[in-house]
Amino acid sequence: MAWQIDAAHSQIGFSVRHMMVSTVRGRFSTVSGTLNIDEANPANSWVEAEADTASISTNDANRDGHLRSADFFDAEKFPKVTFKSTSVAKDGDNYKVTGDLTMHGVTKPVTFTVEYSGVIKDPYGLQRAGFDAQAKINRKDFGLGWGGVLETGGAIVSDEVKIILEFEATLQN
């Protein structure tokens, strides 16, 4: 069954340590994608999703502009972050979804731990499914290498980035 990610009820979020003392959170506000759900045989399930890098938001216009620049995402040259699954497997109550994450022109395998909320029929007659997923990546693996070192030796921006997906999808006829 083909499902469409409902952009109005979905987001791709992230968090990163800043100067080793706080966490900065952000999100991409423009997301889209398609997925297939086979509850009987999860290995037949798949997902393809993308986010517009220019839609990044951390609630600070100056930081957002810097993140869109060539120092980080280079949104003009690399307008999309994409993910295409290569495998889906049941893992206890959750799922492991592995696939190719492409960001800043670099593609690397990433595995998300996915909590599937199931399917409901909404008040408008649409079938809806929900998912929450998390993964960790090293931003430098994707060419996002800007940063400096503090006088105390810690990083201005940590290499580790936590990715948080919150997707709602509707069944397509």
C-alpha atoms as a PDB file:
ATOM      1  CA  MET A   1       0.000   0.000   0.000  1.00  0.00           C
ATOM      2  CA  ALA A   2       1.387   3.406  -1.001  1.00  0.00           C
ATOM      3  CA  TRP A   3       1.295   6.157   1.601  1.00  0.00           C
ATOM      4  CA  GLN A   4       2.104   9.851   1.196  1.00  0.00           C
ATOM      5  CA  ILE A   5       3.869  11.761   3.971  1.00  0.00           C
ATOM      6  CA  ASP A   6       1.530  14.488   5.232  1.00  0.00           C
ATOM      7  CA  ALA A   7       3.837  17.514   5.310  1.00  0.00           C
ATOM      8  CA  ALA A   8       1.461  19.500   7.532  1.00  0.00           C
ATOM      9  CA  HIS A   9       1.766  16.878  10.276  1.00  0.00           C
ATOM     10  CA  SER A  10       5.364  15.741   9.809  1.00  0.00           C
ATOM     11  CA  GLN A  11       8.824  17.059  10.487  1.00  0.00           C
ATOM     12  CA  ILE A  12      12.477  16.177  10.327  1.00  0.00           C
ATOM     13  CA  GLY A  13      14.164  17.494  13.429  1.00  0.00           C
ATOM     14  CA  PHE A  14      17.703  17.424  14.731  1.00  0.00           C
ATOM     15  CA  SER A  15      19.695  18.323  17.796  1.00  0.00           C
ATOM     16  CA  VAL A  16      23.368  19.080  18.283  1.00  0.00           C
ATOM     17  CA  ARG A  17      25.499  20.129  21.242  1.00  0.00           C
ATOM     18  CA  HIS A  18      26.640  23.756  21.159  1.00  0.00           C
ATOM     19  CA  MET A  19      29.872  24.711  22.918  1.00  0.00           C
ATOM     20  CA  MET A  20      29.531  21.509  24.940  1.00  0.00           C
ATOM     21  CA  VAL A  21      27.103  23.119  27.398  1.00  0.00           C
ATOM     22  CA  SER A  22      23.748  23.278  25.636  1.00  0.00           C
ATOM     23  CA  THR A  23      21.655  21.588  22.965  1.00  0.00           C
ATOM     24  CA  VAL A  24      20.413  23.395  19.872  1.00  0.00           C
ATOM     25  CA  ARG A  25      17.375  21.949  18.148  1.00  0.00           C
ATOM     26  CA  GLY A  26      16.146  22.616  14.671  1.00  0.00           C
ATOM     27  CA  ARG A  27      14.007  21.209  11.926  1.00  0.00           C
ATOM     28  CA  PHE A  28      13.376  21.196   8.230  1.00  0.00           C
ATOM     29  CA  SER A  29       9.904  22.583   7.671  1.00  0.00           C
ATOM     30  CA  THR A  30       9.515  21.375   4.072  1.00  0.00           C
ATOM     31  CA  VAL A  31       9.377  17.580   3.927  1.00  0.00           C
ATOM     32  CA  SER A  32       7.829  15.088   1.514  1.00  0.00           C
ATOM     33  CA  GLY A  33       7.937  11.418   0.726  1.00  0.00           C
ATOM     34  CA  THR A  34       6.255   8.141  -0.027  1.00  0.00           C
ATOM     35  CA  LEU A  35       6.277   4.866   1.821  1.00  0.00           C
ATOM     36  CA  ASN A  36       4.924   1.354   1.629  1.00  0.00           C
ATOM     37  CA  ILE A  37       3.755  -0.471   4.745  1.00  0.00           C
ATOM     38  CA  ASP A  38       3.517  -4.266   4.800  1.00  0.00           C
ATOM     39  CA  GLU A  39       2.706  -5.183   8.403  1.00  0.00           C
ATOM     40  CA  ALA A  40       2.604  -8.905   7.592  1.00  0.00           C
ATOM     41  CA  ASN A  41       6.063  -8.838   6.008  1.00  0.00           C
ATOM     42  CA  PRO A  42       8.053  -5.745   7.099  1.00  0.00           C
ATOM     43  CA  ALA A  43      10.896  -6.627   4.698  1.00  0.00           C
ATOM     44  CA  ASN A  44       8.541  -5.586   1.875  1.00  0.00           C
ATOM     45  CA  SER A  45       8.124  -2.121   3.411  1.00  0.00           C
ATOM     46  CA  TRP A  46      10.102   0.885   2.200  1.00  0.00           C
ATOM     47  CA  VAL A  47      10.355   4.655   2.496  1.00  0.00           C
ATOM     48  CA  GLU A  48      11.678   7.514   0.379  1.00  0.00           C
ATOM     49  CA  ALA A  49      11.706  10.953   2.000  1.00  0.00           C
ATOM     50  CA  GLU A  50      13.299  14.326   1.438  1.00  0.00           C
ATOM     51  CA  ALA A  51      13.673  17.724   3.041  1.00  0.00           C
ATOM     52  CA  ASP A  52      14.505  21.091   1.501  1.00  0.00           C
ATOM     53  CA  THR A  53      17.738  22.339   3.055  1.00  0.00           C
ATOM     54  CA  ALA A  54      16.605  25.956   2.613  1.00  0.00           C
ATOM     55  CA  SER A  55      13.697  25.225   4.987  1.00  0.00           C
ATOM     56  CA  ILE A  56      16.015  24.705   7.974  1.00  0.00           C
ATOM     57  CA  SER A  57      14.887  26.521  11.109  1.00  0.00           C
ATOM     58  CA  THR A  58      16.471  26.810  14.551  1.00  0.00           C
ATOM     59  CA  ASN A  59      14.460  29.875  15.585  1.00  0.00           C
ATOM     60  CA  ASP A  60      17.456  32.143  15.000  1.00  0.00           C
ATOM     61  CA  ALA A  61      17.649  33.887  11.604  1.00  0.00           C
ATOM     62  CA  ASN A  62      21.409  34.464  11.766  1.00  0.00           C
ATOM     63  CA  ARG A  63      22.166  30.835  12.652  1.00  0.00           C
ATOM     64  CA  ASP A  64      19.696  29.594  10.021  1.00  0.00           C
ATOM     65  CA  GLY A  65      21.442  31.710   7.377  1.00  0.00           C
ATOM     66  CA  HIS A  66      24.793  30.273   8.443  1.00  0.00           C
ATOM     67  CA  LEU A  67      23.415  26.728   8.270  1.00  0.00           C
ATOM     68  CA  ARG A  68      22.154  27.376   4.714  1.00  0.00           C
ATOM     69  CA  SER A  69      25.604  28.694   3.675  1.00  0.00           C
ATOM     70  CA  ALA A  70      28.534  26.777   2.194  1.00  0.00           C
ATOM     71  CA  ASP A  71      29.915  26.324   5.747  1.00  0.00           C
ATOM     72  CA  PHE A  72      27.162  23.754   6.381  1.00  0.00           C
ATOM     73  CA  PHE A  73      24.367  22.619   4.037  1.00  0.00           C
ATOM     74  CA  ASP A  74      25.194  24.865   1.058  1.00  0.00           C
ATOM     75  CA  ALA A  75      21.470  24.970   0.248  1.00  0.00           C
ATOM     76  CA  GLU A  76      21.958  26.539  -3.187  1.00  0.00           C
ATOM     77  CA  LYS A  77      24.264  23.761  -4.357  1.00  0.00           C
ATOM     78  CA  PHE A  78      22.601  20.926  -2.369  1.00  0.00           C
ATOM     79  CA  PRO A  79      18.886  21.796  -2.079  1.00  0.00           C
ATOM     80  CA  LYS A  80      17.718  18.425  -0.695  1.00  0.00           C
ATOM     81  CA  VAL A  81      18.469  15.955   2.055  1.00  0.00           C
ATOM     82  CA  THR A  82      17.155  12.551   0.959  1.00  0.00           C
ATOM     83  CA  PHE A  83      16.666   9.123   2.473  1.00  0.00           C
ATOM     84  CA  LYS A  84      15.859   5.930   0.580  1.00  0.00           C
ATOM     85  CA  SER A  85      15.477   2.756   2.621  1.00  0.00           C
ATOM     86  CA  THR A  86      17.303  -0.426   1.679  1.00  0.00           C
ATOM     87  CA  SER A  87      15.865  -2.693   4.397  1.00  0.00           C
ATOM     88  CA  VAL A  88      13.146  -2.789   7.030  1.00  0.00           C
ATOM     89  CA  ALA A  89      13.190  -5.318   9.871  1.00  0.00           C
ATOM     90  CA  LYS A  90      11.103  -5.889  12.992  1.00  0.00           C
ATOM     91  CA  ASP A  91      13.101  -5.294  16.190  1.00  0.00           C
ATOM     92  CA  GLY A  92      11.017  -6.134  19.257  1.00  0.00           C
ATOM     93  CA  ASP A  93       8.235  -3.550  19.459  1.00  0.00           C
ATOM     94  CA  ASN A  94      10.040  -1.297  16.971  1.00  0.00           C
ATOM     95  CA  TYR A  95      11.563  -1.511  13.518  1.00  0.00           C
ATOM     96  CA  LYS A  96      15.049  -0.940  12.149  1.00  0.00           C
ATOM     97  CA  VAL A  97      14.951   0.959   8.888  1.00  0.00           C
ATOM     98  CA  THR A  98      18.300   1.127   7.120  1.00  0.00           C
ATOM     99  CA  GLY A  99      18.899   3.182   4.027  1.00  0.00           C
ATOM    100  CA  ASP A 100      20.966   5.683   2.133  1.00  0.00           C
ATOM    101  CA  LEU A 101      21.010   9.197   3.581  1.00  0.00           C
ATOM    102  CA  THR A 102      22.264  11.798   1.119  1.00  0.00           C
ATOM    103  CA  MET A 103      23.250  15.193   2.443  1.00  0.00           C
ATOM    104  CA  HIS A 104      25.650  17.808   1.087  1.00  0.00           C
ATOM    105  CA  GLY A 105      26.371  15.540  -1.906  1.00  0.00           C
ATOM    106  CA  VAL A 106      27.487  12.612   0.274  1.00  0.00           C
ATOM    107  CA  THR A 107      25.567   9.342   0.637  1.00  0.00           C
ATOM    108  CA  LYS A 108      26.066   7.109   3.684  1.00  0.00           C
ATOM    109  CA  PRO A 109      24.086   4.228   5.188  1.00  0.00           C
ATOM    110  CA  VAL A 110      22.061   5.141   8.277  1.00  0.00           C
ATOM    111  CA  THR A 111      19.804   3.007  10.471  1.00  0.00           C
ATOM    112  CA  PHE A 112      16.766   4.521  12.144  1.00  0.00           C
ATOM    113  CA  THR A 113      14.971   2.986  15.111  1.00  0.00           C
ATOM    114  CA  VAL A 114      11.307   3.415  14.223  1.00  0.00           C
ATOM    115  CA  GLU A 115       8.251   3.320  16.453  1.00  0.00           C
ATOM    116  CA  TYR A 116       5.176   2.590  14.344  1.00  0.00           C
ATOM    117  CA  SER A 117       1.974   3.983  15.850  1.00  0.00           C
ATOM    118  CA  GLY A 118      -0.323   1.960  13.602  1.00  0.00           C
ATOM    119  CA  VAL A 119      -3.170   3.001  11.326  1.00  0.00           C
ATOM    120  CA  ILE A 120      -6.419   4.853  12.070  1.00  0.00           C
ATOM    121  CA  LYS A 121      -9.321   6.184  10.044  1.00  0.00           C
ATOM    122  CA  ASP A 122      -9.591   9.951  10.548  1.00  0.00           C
ATOM    123  CA  PRO A 123     -12.866  11.949  10.725  1.00  0.00           C
ATOM    124  CA  TYR A 124     -12.546  12.700   6.991  1.00  0.00           C
ATOM    125  CA  GLY A 125     -12.422   9.040   5.971  1.00  0.00           C
ATOM    126  CA  LEU A 126      -8.667   8.945   5.298  1.00  0.00           C
ATOM    127  CA  GLN A 127      -6.442   6.158   6.557  1.00  0.00           C
ATOM    128  CA  ARG A 128      -3.523   7.622   8.545  1.00  0.00           C
ATOM    129  CA  ALA A 129      -0.348   6.026   9.874  1.00  0.00           C
ATOM    130  CA  GLY A 130       2.185   7.502  12.293  1.00  0.00           C
ATOM    131  CA  PHE A 131       5.895   6.989  12.860  1.00  0.00           C
ATOM    132  CA  ASP A 132       8.577   8.336  15.165  1.00  0.00           C
ATOM    133  CA  ALA A 133      12.188   7.544  14.293  1.00  0.00           C
ATOM    134  CA  GLN A 134      15.635   8.376  15.594  1.00  0.00           C
ATOM    135  CA  ALA A 135      19.218   7.974  14.444  1.00  0.00           C
ATOM    136  CA  LYS A 136      22.614   9.491  15.153  1.00  0.00           C
ATOM    137  CA  ILE A 137      25.119  10.566  12.542  1.00  0.00           C
ATOM    138  CA  ASN A 138      28.487  12.254  12.449  1.00  0.00           C
ATOM    139  CA  ARG A 139      27.997  15.486  10.498  1.00  0.00           C
ATOM    140  CA  LYS A 140      31.599  15.430   9.279  1.00  0.00           C
ATOM    141  CA  ASP A 141      30.908  12.116   7.488  1.00  0.00           C
ATOM    142  CA  PHE A 142      28.624  14.175   5.227  1.00  0.00           C
ATOM    143  CA  GLY A 143      31.056  17.016   4.593  1.00  0.00           C
ATOM    144  CA  LEU A 144      29.523  19.360   7.182  1.00  0.00           C
ATOM    145  CA  GLY A 145      32.882  20.122   8.739  1.00  0.00           C
ATOM    146  CA  TRP A 146      32.644  23.743   9.856  1.00  0.00           C
ATOM    147  CA  GLY A 147      33.515  24.341  13.468  1.00  0.00           C
ATOM    148  CA  GLY A 148      36.162  25.374  15.815  1.00  0.00           C
ATOM    149  CA  VAL A 149      37.645  24.376  19.128  1.00  0.00           C
ATOM    150  CA  LEU A 150      37.007  26.206  22.346  1.00  0.00           C
ATOM    151  CA  GLU A 151      39.806  27.432  24.567  1.00  0.00           C
ATOM    152  CA  THR A 152      38.925  24.570  26.933  1.00  0.00           C
ATOM    153  CA  GLY A 153      39.284  22.030  24.111  1.00  0.00           C
ATOM    154  CA  GLY A 154      35.635  21.279  23.411  1.00  0.00           C
ATOM    155  CA  ALA A 155      33.959  21.765  20.060  1.00  0.00           C
ATOM    156  CA  ILE A 156      31.826  24.788  19.177  1.00  0.00           C
ATOM    157  CA  VAL A 157      29.441  22.404  17.413  1.00  0.00           C
ATOM    158  CA  SER A 158      29.514  18.692  18.232  1.00  0.00           C
ATOM    159  CA  ASP A 159      30.142  16.201  15.457  1.00  0.00           C
ATOM    160  CA  GLU A 160      27.264  14.006  16.616  1.00  0.00           C
ATOM    161  CA  VAL A 161      23.824  14.976  15.349  1.00  0.00           C
ATOM    162  CA  LYS A 162      20.640  13.331  16.542  1.00  0.00           C
ATOM    163  CA  ILE A 163      17.982  13.080  13.842  1.00  0.00           C
ATOM    164  CA  ILE A 164      14.351  12.884  14.940  1.00  0.00           C
ATOM    165  CA  LEU A 165      11.626  12.051  12.416  1.00  0.00           C
ATOM    166  CA  GLU A 166       7.956  12.508  13.179  1.00  0.00           C
ATOM    167  CA  PHE A 167       5.878  11.417  10.215  1.00  0.00           C
ATOM    168  CA  GLU A 168       2.191  11.101   9.600  1.00  0.00           C
ATOM    169  CA  ALA A 169       1.151   9.562   6.286  1.00  0.00           C
ATOM    170  CA  THR A 170      -2.111   9.094   4.420  1.00  0.00           C
ATOM    171  CA  LEU A 171      -3.050   6.112   2.291  1.00  0.00           C
ATOM    172  CA  GLN A 172      -3.178   6.935  -1.420  1.00  0.00           C
ATOM    173  CA  ASN A 173      -5.910   5.432  -3.589  1.00  0.00           C
END
